[in-house]
Amino acid sequence: MKHITIGLFHDKDLGKELGKKGTESDILLFNRKTDDKVFTFMSAVEEKLTTKTQIISTIDAAIISISQMTPEIGETILFLDSVGITDGIIIVPEFSDTTQIESMIKETSLKDFTITDKNIPKIMEVLNSYNPKRDDSSDPVVIVDHSFSVKGVGEVILGLVKKGTISKHDKMLLLPKNKEVVIRSIQMQDKDFDKANSGCRVGLAIKGASAEEMKRGSIFTTTDGAKTDTKFKLRLKKNKYYSDLKKGIFHLTVGMQSLPTEITEISDEMVSIKTERPVCYTKDDYFILIDLNAPKLHHIGNGKIS
């Protein structure tokens, strides 16, 4: 069964119409199961930039609700384009003139997004047509978005199998803590499984680490699946609407990690950054740089490891 994760933006009520409410923190999760697909919808409780970028770093597709164009919506489009999201839906009021929206997205990765009014059967029909590529053969990587203790079960995480396949009783490496842990059990949609493939959202009972050590952004992997560091050299694709790039303290999102970072060097399309605590990452991860103090657009740009 195919699992698809969709980000919901600029509509606080849409998740309740699309699925059954699940975990709630600063991120709300809603779930819906069809004959051959499991959909997880993720939305931010508040329109917080760091939470938005964490969601964008995780999803296969996006739904943006636009009743009127705002700087916040424009920036959401920029963020989605910067990580190459190509599948999605833009919801507009019935009988809207969509000329401005079509013009805005025509040279972005969102150019093929479906534009429709809030018609849930139509939205689900579009979502059911998506078939994101998966990588089941690489070293497994699981990204954590929630962790907690459950009485009678122990330490539990919720997260996404980004790549590879995991199995019950697998020994894995927890990063950035660099601890060996064991997967005691795997659940999906409240049912037990022996394995989970890439793209699946899972609940894992873990032996060998505390919930605090497995907080959001942590990675479970093998020794070759991911790395940890505090200094990075990135090939940066700068947001053309952002003001002049300069050295200083800004903010960074990698996977579901979000933390302060310092830009220490700038050279042509390259930037060097350092973080105050270790960051775990894979070679495919986007490093999203944000200026939280910018007066308007906050997205500096995205980089990958050089």
Protein backbone atom coordinates (compact mmCIF):
# COMPACT_ATOMS: atom_id res chain seq x y z
CA MET A 1 0.00 0.00 0.00
CA LYS A 2 1.38 3.41 -1.03
CA HIS A 3 1.88 6.07 1.66
CA ILE A 4 1.77 9.74 0.61
CA THR A 5 2.48 12.75 2.85
CA ILE A 6 0.84 16.07 1.97
CA GLY A 7 1.46 19.49 3.49
CA LEU A 8 -1.52 21.78 4.07
CA PHE A 9 -0.90 25.52 3.99
CA HIS A 10 -3.05 28.57 4.83
CA ASP A 11 -6.24 26.70 5.78
CA LYS A 12 -6.75 25.73 9.42
CA ASP A 13 -9.89 23.67 8.76
CA LEU A 14 -8.98 21.69 5.65
CA GLY A 15 -7.27 18.84 7.52
CA LYS A 16 -10.49 17.98 9.35
CA GLU A 17 -12.30 17.69 6.03
CA LEU A 18 -9.66 15.46 4.47
CA GLY A 19 -8.85 13.00 7.24
CA LYS A 20 -9.12 11.82 10.81
CA LYS A 21 -7.18 13.86 13.36
CA GLY A 22 -4.10 12.16 14.74
CA THR A 23 -1.12 13.51 16.68
CA GLU A 24 -1.24 17.17 17.70
CA SER A 25 1.65 19.40 18.70
CA ASP A 26 2.78 22.50 16.81
CA ILE A 27 2.15 20.21 13.83
CA LEU A 28 -1.27 18.65 13.27
CA LEU A 29 -1.52 15.25 11.59
CA PHE A 30 -4.61 13.93 9.81
CA ASN A 31 -4.90 10.46 8.28
CA ARG A 32 -7.03 8.98 5.52
CA LYS A 33 -6.94 5.47 4.07
CA THR A 34 -8.31 4.45 0.68
CA ASP A 35 -8.28 1.06 -1.06
CA ASP A 36 -4.64 1.32 -2.09
CA LYS A 37 -3.20 4.44 -0.42
CA VAL A 38 -2.62 5.91 3.02
CA PHE A 39 -2.57 9.72 3.14
CA THR A 40 -1.01 11.73 5.94
CA PHE A 41 -1.81 15.45 5.98
CA MET A 42 0.49 17.78 7.93
CA SER A 43 -0.34 21.36 8.88
CA ALA A 44 1.16 23.93 11.22
CA VAL A 45 -0.99 24.95 14.18
CA GLU A 46 0.27 28.49 13.62
CA GLU A 47 1.82 29.97 10.48
CA LYS A 48 5.30 29.74 11.96
CA LEU A 49 8.17 29.86 9.48
CA THR A 50 10.30 27.20 11.12
CA THR A 51 7.39 24.76 11.39
CA LYS A 52 6.43 25.45 7.78
CA THR A 53 9.94 24.62 6.55
CA GLN A 54 10.02 21.43 8.64
CA ILE A 55 6.81 20.27 6.97
CA ILE A 56 8.03 21.28 3.50
CA SER A 57 11.21 19.24 4.03
CA THR A 58 9.14 16.08 4.57
CA ILE A 59 6.21 16.08 2.14
CA ASP A 60 5.52 14.50 -1.25
CA ALA A 61 2.87 17.04 -2.27
CA ALA A 62 1.24 20.26 -1.09
CA ILE A 63 -2.18 21.90 -0.90
CA ILE A 64 -2.27 25.70 -0.67
CA SER A 65 -5.50 27.56 0.04
CA ILE A 66 -5.57 31.04 -1.53
CA SER A 67 -8.50 33.34 -0.87
CA GLN A 68 -6.34 36.38 -1.62
CA MET A 69 -2.68 36.70 -2.47
CA THR A 70 -0.50 37.68 0.51
CA PRO A 71 3.27 37.88 1.13
CA GLU A 72 2.97 34.75 3.32
CA ILE A 73 1.41 32.76 0.50
CA GLY A 74 4.00 34.07 -1.93
CA GLU A 75 6.75 32.88 0.37
CA THR A 76 5.11 29.44 0.73
CA ILE A 77 5.25 29.14 -3.06
CA LEU A 78 8.94 30.12 -3.00
CA PHE A 79 9.73 27.53 -0.33
CA LEU A 80 7.91 24.74 -2.19
CA ASP A 81 9.62 25.65 -5.45
CA SER A 82 13.04 25.72 -3.79
CA VAL A 83 12.77 22.04 -2.78
CA GLY A 84 11.19 21.01 -6.07
CA ILE A 85 7.65 20.05 -5.03
CA THR A 86 5.84 19.26 -8.31
CA ASP A 87 2.62 17.59 -7.13
CA GLY A 88 -0.07 19.65 -5.47
CA ILE A 89 -3.32 21.55 -5.48
CA ILE A 90 -4.18 25.23 -5.13
CA ILE A 91 -7.63 25.83 -3.65
CA VAL A 92 -9.39 29.07 -4.58
CA PRO A 93 -12.90 30.45 -3.98
CA GLU A 94 -15.49 29.31 -6.50
CA PHE A 95 -15.52 31.29 -9.78
CA SER A 96 -12.20 33.00 -8.96
CA ASP A 97 -10.04 34.62 -11.60
CA THR A 98 -6.86 32.53 -11.38
CA THR A 99 -4.78 34.57 -13.87
CA GLN A 100 -2.48 36.04 -11.20
CA ILE A 101 -1.87 32.65 -9.58
CA GLU A 102 -1.15 30.97 -12.92
CA SER A 103 1.31 33.73 -13.79
CA MET A 104 3.04 33.42 -10.41
CA ILE A 105 3.62 29.65 -10.63
CA LYS A 106 4.27 29.23 -14.37
CA GLU A 107 8.07 29.26 -14.00
CA THR A 108 8.21 27.28 -10.75
CA SER A 109 7.99 23.60 -9.83
CA LEU A 110 4.33 24.28 -8.97
CA LYS A 111 3.43 24.98 -12.61
CA ASP A 112 1.40 21.77 -12.94
CA PHE A 113 -0.50 22.14 -9.65
CA THR A 114 -4.24 21.62 -10.05
CA ILE A 115 -6.26 24.78 -9.35
CA THR A 116 -9.76 24.08 -8.03
CA ASP A 117 -12.34 25.21 -5.50
CA LYS A 118 -12.75 23.38 -2.17
CA ASN A 119 -14.33 20.23 -3.55
CA ILE A 120 -13.20 17.32 -1.35
CA PRO A 121 -14.08 14.50 -3.81
CA LYS A 122 -12.21 16.38 -6.56
CA ILE A 123 -9.22 16.97 -4.26
CA MET A 124 -9.07 13.28 -3.31
CA GLU A 125 -9.34 12.28 -6.97
CA VAL A 126 -6.27 14.40 -7.73
CA LEU A 127 -4.35 13.10 -4.71
CA ASN A 128 -5.12 9.50 -5.66
CA SER A 129 -3.42 10.08 -9.02
CA TYR A 130 -0.05 10.82 -7.40
CA ASN A 131 2.64 8.16 -7.46
CA PRO A 132 5.83 9.56 -5.92
CA LYS A 133 9.06 7.68 -6.57
CA ARG A 134 10.47 5.66 -3.70
CA ASP A 135 13.94 4.37 -2.89
CA ASP A 136 13.68 1.03 -1.08
CA SER A 137 17.20 -0.17 -1.87
CA SER A 138 19.41 2.49 -0.21
CA ASP A 139 20.56 2.46 3.40
CA PRO A 140 17.48 3.08 5.56
CA VAL A 141 16.80 6.57 6.90
CA VAL A 142 13.94 7.35 9.29
CA ILE A 143 13.22 10.99 10.18
CA VAL A 144 11.60 11.60 13.59
CA ASP A 145 8.87 14.21 14.02
CA HIS A 146 7.47 13.22 17.44
CA SER A 147 8.77 11.18 20.38
CA PHE A 148 7.23 10.24 23.72
CA SER A 149 6.97 7.54 26.39
CA VAL A 150 3.96 5.18 26.41
CA LYS A 151 3.06 3.27 29.55
CA GLY A 152 3.48 -0.45 28.98
CA VAL A 153 5.26 0.11 25.65
CA GLY A 154 8.28 2.29 26.40
CA GLU A 155 9.91 4.89 24.18
CA VAL A 156 8.04 5.59 20.94
CA ILE A 157 8.73 7.76 17.91
CA LEU A 158 6.55 8.84 15.02
CA GLY A 159 8.25 9.54 11.74
CA LEU A 160 8.82 8.92 8.07
CA VAL A 161 10.87 6.23 6.38
CA LYS A 162 12.64 8.55 3.95
CA LYS A 163 14.49 5.79 2.12
CA GLY A 164 15.33 2.12 2.41
CA THR A 165 13.46 -0.57 4.32
CA ILE A 166 13.34 -1.13 8.08
CA SER A 167 12.44 -4.34 9.91
CA LYS A 168 11.40 -5.29 13.41
CA HIS A 169 14.47 -6.03 15.60
CA ASP A 170 16.82 -4.02 13.32
CA LYS A 171 19.78 -2.42 15.05
CA MET A 172 20.12 1.18 13.94
CA LEU A 173 22.22 4.25 14.64
CA LEU A 174 20.48 7.23 16.25
CA LEU A 175 21.86 10.56 15.05
CA PRO A 176 22.98 13.08 16.14
CA LYS A 177 23.28 11.28 19.52
CA ASN A 178 25.37 8.55 17.86
CA LYS A 179 23.76 5.76 19.88
CA GLU A 180 22.88 2.21 18.82
CA VAL A 181 19.18 1.45 19.22
CA VAL A 182 16.87 -1.45 18.38
CA ILE A 183 13.46 -1.31 16.72
CA ARG A 184 11.20 -3.29 19.07
CA SER A 185 8.05 -2.96 16.99
CA ILE A 186 6.62 -1.20 13.92
CA GLN A 187 3.09 0.18 13.63
CA MET A 188 1.28 1.78 10.72
CA GLN A 189 -2.32 2.94 11.03
CA ASP A 190 -2.47 1.25 14.48
CA LYS A 191 -1.55 -2.17 13.05
CA ASP A 192 1.65 -4.13 13.70
CA PHE A 193 4.02 -4.89 10.83
CA ASP A 194 7.35 -6.67 10.48
CA LYS A 195 8.67 -4.25 7.83
CA ALA A 196 8.15 -0.73 6.48
CA ASN A 197 9.37 0.65 3.16
CA SER A 198 10.36 4.14 2.03
CA GLY A 199 7.55 6.66 2.10
CA CYS A 200 5.74 4.97 4.99
CA ARG A 201 4.76 6.89 8.12
CA VAL A 202 5.52 4.71 11.10
CA GLY A 203 5.29 4.49 14.85
CA LEU A 204 8.34 2.70 16.25
CA ALA A 205 8.89 1.34 19.74
CA ILE A 206 12.61 1.86 20.42
CA LYS A 207 15.05 0.30 22.86
CA GLY A 208 18.29 2.04 23.71
CA ALA A 209 17.42 5.76 23.84
CA SER A 210 15.04 8.08 25.67
CA ALA A 211 12.29 10.12 24.05
CA GLU A 212 14.30 13.27 24.78
CA GLU A 213 17.29 11.86 22.89
CA MET A 214 15.04 11.07 19.90
CA LYS A 215 13.41 14.47 19.54
CA ARG A 216 12.21 15.96 16.26
CA GLY A 217 14.77 15.94 13.49
CA SER A 218 16.70 12.94 14.79
CA ILE A 219 17.55 10.25 12.26
CA PHE A 220 17.65 6.46 12.50
CA THR A 221 20.01 4.97 9.93
CA THR A 222 22.97 2.68 9.34
CA THR A 223 26.57 3.82 9.48
CA ASP A 224 26.52 4.86 5.78
CA GLY A 225 23.01 6.31 5.60
CA ALA A 226 23.64 9.76 7.11
CA LYS A 227 26.31 11.94 8.72
CA THR A 228 26.60 14.44 11.56
CA ASP A 229 28.58 17.68 11.64
CA THR A 230 28.55 21.32 12.76
CA LYS A 231 30.35 22.87 9.77
CA PHE A 232 29.08 22.75 6.20
CA LYS A 233 29.99 24.09 2.78
CA LEU A 234 26.90 24.51 0.61
CA ARG A 235 26.25 25.24 -3.03
CA LEU A 236 23.54 27.85 -2.46
CA LYS A 237 20.62 28.64 -4.74
CA LYS A 238 19.73 32.08 -3.45
CA ASN A 239 16.16 33.39 -3.43
CA LYS A 240 16.30 36.13 -6.08
CA TYR A 241 13.87 38.27 -4.08
CA TYR A 242 16.01 38.27 -0.93
CA SER A 243 18.24 41.26 -0.19
CA ASP A 244 22.03 41.07 -0.30
CA LEU A 245 23.46 37.94 1.29
CA LYS A 246 25.80 38.66 4.19
CA LYS A 247 27.62 36.94 7.03
CA GLY A 248 25.90 36.63 10.40
CA ILE A 249 23.46 34.63 12.50
CA PHE A 250 20.42 33.26 10.69
CA HIS A 251 18.27 30.12 10.89
CA LEU A 252 18.56 26.70 9.29
CA THR A 253 16.15 23.85 8.58
CA VAL A 254 17.52 20.44 7.56
CA GLY A 255 15.03 17.60 7.43
CA MET A 256 12.99 18.31 10.54
CA GLN A 257 15.82 19.98 12.45
CA SER A 258 15.47 23.73 12.89
CA LEU A 259 18.15 25.75 14.66
CA PRO A 260 20.30 28.91 14.56
CA THR A 261 23.27 28.91 12.21
CA GLU A 262 26.06 31.29 11.31
CA ILE A 263 27.06 32.13 7.75
CA THR A 264 30.84 32.38 8.04
CA GLU A 265 32.01 32.66 4.41
CA ILE A 266 30.46 33.67 1.09
CA SER A 267 32.13 32.95 -2.25
CA ASP A 268 30.33 33.00 -5.61
CA GLU A 269 27.54 30.40 -5.25
CA MET A 270 29.13 28.81 -2.18
CA VAL A 271 28.49 29.56 1.49
CA SER A 272 30.06 28.11 4.61
CA ILE A 273 27.95 27.79 7.74
CA LYS A 274 28.40 26.48 11.25
CA THR A 275 25.79 25.43 13.81
CA GLU A 276 25.82 25.62 17.58
CA ARG A 277 24.95 21.92 17.92
CA PRO A 278 25.46 18.83 15.70
CA VAL A 279 23.19 18.43 12.68
CA CYS A 280 22.47 15.08 11.03
CA TYR A 281 21.87 14.97 7.30
CA THR A 282 21.93 12.88 4.12
CA LYS A 283 23.57 13.81 0.84
CA ASP A 284 20.13 14.52 -0.66
CA ASP A 285 18.95 16.95 2.03
CA TYR A 286 18.20 20.57 1.33
CA PHE A 287 19.68 23.05 3.80
CA ILE A 288 17.03 25.82 3.98
CA LEU A 289 18.41 29.16 5.16
CA ILE A 290 15.98 31.64 6.74
CA ASP A 291 16.30 35.21 7.95
CA LEU A 292 13.76 35.39 10.77
CA ASN A 293 14.38 39.14 11.20
CA ALA A 294 13.77 40.12 7.59
CA PRO A 295 10.97 42.72 7.22
CA LYS A 296 9.24 40.90 4.35
CA LEU A 297 10.50 37.75 2.64
CA HIS A 298 12.53 35.54 4.99
CA HIS A 299 13.72 32.79 2.65
CA ILE A 300 17.43 33.33 1.93
CA GLY A 301 17.85 30.25 -0.24
CA ASN A 302 18.59 26.55 -0.28
CA GLY A 303 21.84 24.66 -0.44
CA LYS A 304 23.13 21.14 -0.72
CA ILE A 305 26.41 19.79 0.53
CA SER A 306 29.16 20.71 -1.91
